[in-house]
Amino acid sequence: MKNTLKLSALLCAMLAASSAMAADWSSNSVGYRYAPSDSEPGVAHKVSKNILTFTSVSGDKLGTNFFTIDLLKSGANDPAAGNGMGAQEWYGFYQRSFSMNAMTGNKTGYGFAKDLSLTARVDAGAKNTAFAPAPRKLWLGAEAAMPVSAGFWNVGVAAYKESNNNGLAKTSVSFKVAPALTSAWAIPVGGVGSFGGFVSIVGPKGKDGFGADTKTETLARATFMFDVMGPKSGLTAGVGVEYWNNKFGCNNATSGVANSCKSTTPLLLVEYKL
């Protein structure tokens, strides 16, 4: 698993670097966040997680590229398969957006939106627990840029398709196509930092690997990052909160372990722009 994590991080960094080479602009960052009260379906106790992140954003004459990967280390409450040590996980995604403004040269917007984009996103991940999840996800949709005066606020809709592995049931699952709603934002506040976050809502996607009906999944994260040593230093630190209900589509109301499919955890974060 450690070799897989290293290889995945290397491949992702190479992909981000190659996309940035053809871009008109780019921005890369590394970060760390600590989540003390996360949850995992089937795990009775709250799980602490240490997370390292690499993110690359770039733009060209067609739109934008967004790539991010997380390397996660759980506490002992979420053990790796075959030992009592905390599980390791990687999860990342790449999103390509095709901007109407960029492709047409329009600068006046589209009604309520500053810009409209077609979006395509691919997610992948793996975790070394007995469940051995290996999610693969495809999102195809459209996104509107809201008219904020600084920063950005995007709202989108997509068709969502997922496949995954269930090591306990010894089966792979191809879920049904589900509707998804998304939003992401980062807005400067008073010259001291920025308010950022995202919301992702995925509708029921059919039966899971145990034959149970999946439920609407909601994941939301909100953070406030303070500029450390001024806005030009590239270093920010802050706090946040993350809410996740019906995690991975698991029905929190009927889960065999109470509230294991739902969590609300505070976050501590630090980020540095490269």
Foldseek 3Di string as FASTA:
>chain_A
DVVVVVVVVVVLVVVLVVVQVQFPDKWKKKKKKKWDFAFAFPQQGGKIKIKIKIWMWGHHLFGIKIKMKIWMWICQSCAFPPDSGTKIKMKMKMKDKGKPCSPPVDQPDDVQFRIKIWMKMWMWMFMRHLQTKTKIKIWTWMKGWGPDPDWTKIKIKTWMWMKIGGNVLRDIDTWATWIKIKMWTWGDDPQFWIKIWMKIWTAWGQADSVRDTFGIKIKIKIWTWTDDPGPPQQKIWTKIKIWIASAVRPHQVPRPHHCSRIIITMMTMMMGMD
